[in-house]
Amino acid sequence: MRVLHRLDDLAFPRSWVTVGGFDGVHRGHQALIRRTVEGAQREQALAVVVTFDPLPAVFFRRRPARYLTPLREKLPLLEALGVDVALILTFDQRLAETPARVFLQALRQRLGMATLVAGPYLTLGRNREGTVERIQAWAPVLDFRVEMVEPVRLNGERISASLVRNLLAQGRVDKAATCLGRWYTLTGPVRPGARRGQRLGFPTANVLPPRDKWLPAQGVYAGWTTWEGADQWHPAVANLGHRPTFDGNGRPLLEVHLLEWAGTLYHKRLTFAFVQHIRGERRFPSVQALRAQIARDVQTAQEVLRHAAQPASIRPLHP
């Protein structure tokens, strides 16, 4: 997959294009992208995904600069779906003020856009003026087709990035995984800690989550973990939070205890896939009480993972 960042320099002969933020690359996004790839392959054209960095909602400060899939995670997902070209446009004031019709005309001229694949809620251009109805009206004049893809729904509710973020904020990582079509993951380098877990009898690999990553609710989770150089996933239980029993503060920390593996993972990049929320984070009256609760958490995680599928690939970002 080619990753490009400028539209002005391009001159593609023919392409199928889909445009959006694609944060999460959830099942609704996947439906759009797969239709784009299928159409492009059928017509021997390029399958192009146009997305933005930062996302418009972040640029306009409608939400914090935290993503379900930061760009480093989004690109492998797009490649796994068969995309030929990912065009990452910098969303700045100039792009924000570009009229929708001008933007579409540039896609037609520079990308050779024969077909735009869109969902019913797509809006483009200045002040979101490019609604689907207007895009469909402009398409014959600008000489491209619009192919509509209906939203993917879960129990009648439209799957969206907002829905996934809300589910994660509630700790409902299992339902979020159903929307995503894969377990939600968090990746970061393992850093030395205070060795409290080792003294408790439950050693942990400590990962400081990236600042640009959307985090699930704080608490204890069952999940699968892997790390650079590993050739499989391992069952684990993890605490995401501030360690209130030890007066923790500052940024949340992910503390991962592997259930069937022992060793040192310092400075390796570790990925934890969230399978099920076990309990919320809370302060315990004593270290002994905390140790007893962790033992119960381990038993719960073992039972959960006995019935939970491992991620489909050792490469955690591939659906």
Foldseek 3Di string as FASTA:
>chain_A
DAEAADLVVFAFQEAEEEEDACFLVWPQVLQLQLVRQVVCVVVVGAREYEHEVPHPCCQVVVDDLATLADPVLVVVQSVLSPHPYYHYYYDDPVQQAFAFLNVVLSCCGRRVYQEYEDEQQDFGHHPSPRHPVNCCVCCVVSRHYYHYDYFDDDPNHGQDRVVLLVCQQVQVQQVSCVRRVFFRKFKAFFADDPCPCVVLVFAWGKGQTDPRHRGGHFAKFWWWKDWPPDADIFTWMWGWAQQVQVPGDDGTMITIGTDPDDDDRHGIMMMTGGNGGDDHDDHDPDSVVVSVVVVVSSVVSVVSVVPDDHTPHPPRSYD
